[in-house]
Amino acid sequence: MEKTNILNKVIIVILVIVLFLLFSCSEKNKESINDKYFTIKTHELMERQFKINKVIVDGDSVIYDELRIYYMDNAELIEFLGIALIMANKYDYTIAYHDVAYALYHANSAFSSKNPNAYDTATRKMFNDYLNVALKRNCPNAIDLKEWYESK
């Protein structure tokens, strides 16, 4: 009887040790996954910041187009507006004029239930000025934006 009691205690101790080891391993894996995710996200942010600097300092239109796709796909137009303004004003990049108007329109629409008349006067003027430059330069995207704006 005493041998059975001792054997049961040994089995319980072994089970506790095994469970402890399993639990500690899963916690390490969770931390490892979180660390990897954080590292990847940090790398992506650093790479994007490098690209933004390249556009702002050098006017790199190829990198601007890459950033444009990223920001448009992720609907982060407020962040992109500053980059587009610099490319339009400093480097006179045609598509950037459209992008400024597009970002202004969609940023405003997000807060005004897609009502273009909800613009304040200064923002409406800025939208029209940038859209008109893009239209004068035959930017096909600007034609679509003008049609969309006028249909509202």
Foldseek 3Di string as FASTA:
>chain_A
DVVVVVVVVVVVVVVVVVVVVVVVVVVVVVVVVVVVVVVVVVVVVVVLVVLLCCCLVPVPVVSLVVVVVVCVVVVVLVVCLVSLVSSCPVVVDLVSLVSNLVSLQVVVCVVVVSDSVPDDPVSNVSSVVSLVSSVVVVPVSSVVVVVSNVVD
